[in-house]
């Protein structure tokens, strides 16, 4: 167990954020019909977005009942980062 912003975090919660981020990345990858080139990038963006969004959700609702809210925030963070990465990649192609 470690602390973030003086809030104790359990490794299970951090793992849930990572899994939520990877799940969102895979859904976005399937929805946008990404090829192999996007698979790794989407997974990395989803993982990072899930961790950042989960930390933000945990800090904003820092009590014991905020686990589901922080996982939902992790999912939103992952979605935002994956879509932003895809948009940046498409702009480079043009």
Foldseek 3Di string as FASTA:
>chain_A
DDDDPNADDDVVLLVLLQVLLQVLLVVVCVVVVHDPVLNVVLSVLSRVQSNVQLVVQCVVVVDPVSSVVSSVSSNVRSNVRSVVVVVVVVVVVD
